[in-house]
């Protein structure tokens, strides 16, 4: 009887370990997905900033607004 309850406890513990492993794996996948999206957005903003700078002669006022907004977004404490 004691051996049976010890066996059940070990099986329960192993089940919890498997469940925890699955949850960690799922969280890791979600985190990688979010990091990928964040990298994609950073590349977009960097490209937008570069285009605004390269073509500032077309519309200097608009380029200034775009560059200022990107700067505020990247460094909110500096603009305040």
C-alpha atoms as a PDB file:
ATOM      1  CA  UNK A   1       0.000   0.000   0.000  1.00  0.00           C
ATOM      2  CA  UNK A   2       2.826   2.434   0.891  1.00  0.00           C
ATOM      3  CA  UNK A   3       4.662   1.493  -2.296  1.00  0.00           C
ATOM      4  CA  UNK A   4       1.513   2.148  -4.331  1.00  0.00           C
ATOM      5  CA  UNK A   5       0.964   5.611  -2.843  1.00  0.00           C
ATOM      6  CA  UNK A   6       4.665   6.475  -3.322  1.00  0.00           C
ATOM      7  CA  UNK A   7       4.376   5.345  -6.936  1.00  0.00           C
ATOM      8  CA  UNK A   8       1.275   7.523  -7.380  1.00  0.00           C
ATOM      9  CA  UNK A   9       3.115  10.492  -5.878  1.00  0.00           C
ATOM     10  CA  UNK A  10       6.046   9.999  -8.248  1.00  0.00           C
ATOM     11  CA  UNK A  11       3.684   9.751 -11.228  1.00  0.00           C
ATOM     12  CA  UNK A  12       1.888  12.909 -10.098  1.00  0.00           C
ATOM     13  CA  UNK A  13       5.190  14.738  -9.755  1.00  0.00           C
ATOM     14  CA  UNK A  14       6.312  13.607 -13.206  1.00  0.00           C
ATOM     15  CA  UNK A  15       2.993  14.749 -14.641  1.00  0.00           C
ATOM     16  CA  UNK A  16       3.473  18.183 -13.108  1.00  0.00           C
ATOM     17  CA  UNK A  17       7.001  18.348 -14.519  1.00  0.00           C
ATOM     18  CA  UNK A  18       5.736  17.541 -18.017  1.00  0.00           C
ATOM     19  CA  UNK A  19       2.970  20.116 -17.712  1.00  0.00           C
ATOM     20  CA  UNK A  20       5.425  22.764 -16.503  1.00  0.00           C
ATOM     21  CA  UNK A  21       7.729  21.953 -19.407  1.00  0.00           C
ATOM     22  CA  UNK A  22       4.892  22.370 -21.892  1.00  0.00           C
ATOM     23  CA  UNK A  23       3.913  25.713 -20.386  1.00  0.00           C
ATOM     24  CA  UNK A  24       7.504  26.971 -20.511  1.00  0.00           C
ATOM     25  CA  UNK A  25       7.816  25.863 -24.133  1.00  0.00           C
ATOM     26  CA  UNK A  26       4.567  27.628 -25.080  1.00  0.00           C
ATOM     27  CA  UNK A  27       5.695  30.799 -23.319  1.00  0.00           C
ATOM     28  CA  UNK A  28       9.036  30.636 -25.111  1.00  0.00           C
ATOM     29  CA  UNK A  29       7.320  30.368 -28.497  1.00  0.00           C
ATOM     30  CA  UNK A  30       5.068  33.312 -27.695  1.00  0.00           C
ATOM     31  CA  UNK A  31       8.048  35.365 -26.542  1.00  0.00           C
ATOM     32  CA  UNK A  32       9.984  34.594 -29.730  1.00  0.00           C
ATOM     33  CA  UNK A  33       6.962  35.658 -31.788  1.00  0.00           C
ATOM     34  CA  UNK A  34       6.647  38.952 -29.900  1.00  0.00           C
ATOM     35  CA  UNK A  35      10.384  39.607 -30.225  1.00  0.00           C
ATOM     36  CA  UNK A  36      10.152  38.974 -33.966  1.00  0.00           C
ATOM     37  CA  UNK A  37       7.308  41.482 -34.290  1.00  0.00           C
ATOM     38  CA  UNK A  38       9.236  44.013 -32.226  1.00  0.00           C
ATOM     39  CA  UNK A  39      12.295  43.615 -34.466  1.00  0.00           C
ATOM     40  CA  UNK A  40      10.093  44.070 -37.543  1.00  0.00           C
ATOM     41  CA  UNK A  41       8.636  47.294 -36.123  1.00  0.00           C
ATOM     42  CA  UNK A  42      12.097  48.596 -35.231  1.00  0.00           C
ATOM     43  CA  UNK A  43      13.300  47.972 -38.781  1.00  0.00           C
ATOM     44  CA  UNK A  44      10.235  49.795 -40.119  1.00  0.00           C
ATOM     45  CA  UNK A  45      10.821  52.828 -37.893  1.00  0.00           C
ATOM     46  CA  UNK A  46      14.538  52.884 -38.754  1.00  0.00           C
ATOM     47  CA  UNK A  47      13.697  52.746 -42.473  1.00  0.00           C
ATOM     48  CA  UNK A  48      11.117  55.494 -42.094  1.00  0.00           C
ATOM     49  CA  UNK A  49      13.622  57.692 -40.279  1.00  0.00           C
ATOM     50  CA  UNK A  50      16.240  57.064 -42.968  1.00  0.00           C
ATOM     51  CA  UNK A  51      13.787  57.922 -45.776  1.00  0.00           C
ATOM     52  CA  UNK A  52      12.654  61.099 -44.017  1.00  0.00           C
ATOM     53  CA  UNK A  53      16.296  62.156 -43.649  1.00  0.00           C
ATOM     54  CA  UNK A  54      17.283  61.268 -47.229  1.00  0.00           C
ATOM     55  CA  UNK A  55      14.303  63.119 -48.743  1.00  0.00           C
ATOM     56  CA  UNK A  56      14.142  66.090 -46.375  1.00  0.00           C
ATOM     57  CA  UNK A  57      14.705  68.419 -49.334  1.00  0.00           C
ATOM     58  CA  UNK A  58      11.318  67.410 -50.812  1.00  0.00           C
ATOM     59  CA  UNK A  59       9.357  68.688 -47.800  1.00  0.00           C
ATOM     60  CA  UNK A  60      11.579  69.915 -44.974  1.00  0.00           C
ATOM     61  CA  UNK A  61       8.674  70.665 -42.625  1.00  0.00           C
ATOM     62  CA  UNK A  62       7.211  67.170 -42.978  1.00  0.00           C
ATOM     63  CA  UNK A  63      10.642  65.548 -42.610  1.00  0.00           C
ATOM     64  CA  UNK A  64      11.213  67.534 -39.433  1.00  0.00           C
ATOM     65  CA  UNK A  65       7.861  66.444 -38.010  1.00  0.00           C
ATOM     66  CA  UNK A  66       8.506  62.770 -38.842  1.00  0.00           C
ATOM     67  CA  UNK A  67      12.033  62.836 -37.417  1.00  0.00           C
ATOM     68  CA  UNK A  68      10.876  64.646 -34.258  1.00  0.00           C
ATOM     69  CA  UNK A  69       8.055  62.138 -33.700  1.00  0.00           C
ATOM     70  CA  UNK A  70      10.429  59.197 -34.104  1.00  0.00           C
ATOM     71  CA  UNK A  71      12.866  60.837 -31.688  1.00  0.00           C
ATOM     72  CA  UNK A  72      10.076  61.379 -29.132  1.00  0.00           C
ATOM     73  CA  UNK A  73       9.029  57.764 -29.488  1.00  0.00           C
ATOM     74  CA  UNK A  74      12.557  56.435 -29.041  1.00  0.00           C
ATOM     75  CA  UNK A  75      13.589  58.801 -26.228  1.00  0.00           C
ATOM     76  CA  UNK A  76      10.484  60.136 -24.470  1.00  0.00           C
ATOM     77  CA  UNK A  77      12.449  61.562 -21.496  1.00  0.00           C
ATOM     78  CA  UNK A  78      14.673  63.768 -23.657  1.00  0.00           C
ATOM     79  CA  UNK A  79      11.820  65.677 -25.311  1.00  0.00           C
ATOM     80  CA  UNK A  80       9.742  66.411 -22.185  1.00  0.00           C
END
